[in-house]
Protein backbone atom coordinates (compact mmCIF):
# COMPACT_ATOMS: atom_id res chain seq x y z
CA MET A 1 11.46 18.73 0.40
CA ASN A 2 10.41 16.40 -2.43
CA GLU A 3 9.44 12.75 -2.17
CA LEU A 4 12.79 11.42 -3.34
CA SER A 5 14.65 13.29 -0.61
CA LYS A 6 12.46 11.64 2.05
CA ILE A 7 13.26 8.10 0.90
CA THR A 8 16.39 6.67 2.46
CA ALA A 9 18.61 3.73 1.57
CA GLU A 10 16.98 1.88 4.48
CA HIS A 11 13.54 2.34 2.88
CA LEU A 12 14.88 1.01 -0.43
CA ARG A 13 16.34 -2.13 1.21
CA ARG A 14 12.79 -3.17 2.13
CA CYS A 15 9.87 -3.99 -0.18
CA ALA A 16 7.31 -1.56 -1.53
CA ILE A 17 3.63 -2.40 -1.12
CA VAL A 18 0.85 -1.19 -3.38
CA TYR A 19 -2.53 -1.76 -1.74
CA VAL A 20 -5.33 -1.95 -4.32
CA ARG A 21 -8.91 -1.91 -3.08
CA GLN A 22 -12.43 -0.87 -3.95
CA SER A 23 -15.12 -1.12 -1.27
CA SER A 24 -17.73 -3.07 -3.24
CA THR A 25 -18.09 -5.29 -6.28
CA THR A 26 -20.13 -2.50 -7.86
CA GLN A 27 -17.16 -0.14 -7.53
CA VAL A 28 -14.85 -2.77 -9.00
CA GLU A 29 -17.18 -3.17 -12.00
CA HIS A 30 -17.95 0.51 -12.59
CA ASN A 31 -14.80 2.33 -11.41
CA ARG A 32 -12.24 0.53 -13.52
CA GLU A 33 -10.19 3.68 -14.05
CA SER A 34 -9.70 4.03 -10.30
CA THR A 35 -8.57 0.42 -10.04
CA ALA A 36 -6.19 0.91 -12.98
CA ARG A 37 -4.71 4.03 -11.35
CA GLN A 38 -4.13 2.06 -8.17
CA TYR A 39 -2.27 -0.67 -10.07
CA GLU A 40 -0.17 2.05 -11.72
CA LEU A 41 1.21 2.93 -8.29
CA ALA A 42 3.63 0.03 -8.80
CA GLU A 43 5.26 2.16 -11.51
CA ARG A 44 5.45 5.06 -9.08
CA ALA A 45 7.33 2.85 -6.61
CA ALA A 46 9.79 2.00 -9.38
CA ARG A 47 10.25 5.70 -10.20
CA LEU A 48 10.94 6.32 -6.52
CA GLY A 49 13.79 3.81 -6.59
CA TRP A 50 12.40 0.36 -5.80
CA ARG A 51 13.36 -2.51 -8.10
CA ARG A 52 10.34 -4.12 -9.76
CA ASP A 53 10.98 -7.41 -7.95
CA GLN A 54 10.68 -5.52 -4.63
CA VAL A 55 7.19 -4.19 -5.40
CA LYS A 56 4.32 -6.26 -4.00
CA VAL A 57 0.79 -5.58 -5.20
CA ILE A 58 -1.83 -6.63 -2.67
CA ASP A 59 -5.23 -6.72 -4.34
CA GLU A 60 -7.14 -9.57 -2.73
CA ASP A 61 -9.38 -7.08 -0.90
CA LEU A 62 -10.96 -5.75 -4.11
CA GLY A 63 -14.72 -5.55 -3.56
CA ILE A 64 -14.50 -5.98 0.21
CA SER A 65 -15.83 -3.25 2.49
CA GLY A 66 -13.58 -1.73 5.11
CA SER A 67 -16.51 -1.38 7.52
CA GLY A 68 -15.06 -3.97 9.85
CA LEU A 69 -17.77 -6.52 9.11
CA SER A 70 -15.64 -8.30 6.51
CA GLU A 71 -12.18 -9.74 6.94
CA ARG A 72 -9.63 -8.08 4.67
CA THR A 73 -6.83 -10.62 4.40
CA GLY A 74 -4.73 -8.36 2.19
CA PHE A 75 -4.83 -5.52 4.70
CA ALA A 76 -3.98 -7.95 7.51
CA ARG A 77 -0.99 -9.30 5.54
CA MET A 78 0.21 -5.79 4.73
CA THR A 79 -0.11 -4.70 8.37
CA ALA A 80 1.89 -7.74 9.50
CA GLU A 81 4.68 -7.05 7.00
CA VAL A 82 4.83 -3.39 8.08
CA GLY A 83 4.96 -4.43 11.73
CA LEU A 84 7.81 -6.83 11.02
CA GLY A 85 9.84 -4.01 9.46
CA GLN A 86 9.81 -5.57 5.98
CA VAL A 87 8.21 -2.59 4.19
CA GLY A 88 9.87 0.62 3.06
CA ILE A 89 6.86 2.30 1.45
CA VAL A 90 3.10 1.80 1.24
CA LEU A 91 1.14 3.28 -1.67
CA GLY A 92 -2.60 3.35 -2.26
CA LEU A 93 -4.21 3.51 1.17
CA LYS A 94 -7.47 5.28 1.92
CA SER A 95 -8.07 7.61 4.88
CA ARG A 96 -9.10 5.20 7.63
CA ASP A 97 -6.46 2.67 6.65
CA TRP A 98 -3.73 5.33 6.79
CA ARG A 99 -4.14 5.76 10.54
CA ALA A 100 -3.47 2.12 11.35
CA ILE A 101 -0.45 1.87 9.08
CA MET A 102 0.94 5.23 10.24
CA LEU A 103 0.85 4.11 13.88
CA ILE A 104 2.76 0.94 13.06
CA GLY A 105 4.90 2.62 10.42
CA THR A 106 6.17 5.30 12.77
CA VAL A 107 7.77 2.62 14.87
CA CYS A 108 9.10 0.73 11.84
CA SER A 109 10.23 3.83 9.89
CA ILE A 110 8.30 3.40 6.65
CA TYR A 111 7.38 6.03 4.09
CA VAL A 112 3.66 6.22 3.34
CA ALA A 113 2.87 7.91 0.01
């Protein structure tokens, strides 16, 4: 089963979120290719069927650690939108973040890529 066959019309009625983040300002400065690849995930959402005006890029957490000691407003906003059933797909999450979104997303029927 390929990715396109997993995406339903219901997914496509909702927005797509691309979550862009590096854990430190040093990573942001020195890992520019990684950041660029994360921004390119917006194009992947378009290839998967989302209109460009449906794709939201959340990048305000660039340079903020996910250790729990810092508030990540972008992650909080994304989690809220997923919980409200407004999101059809989330692209760009890292391992620990996946678990939180998957728990909420299972209830809200989102596709996490």
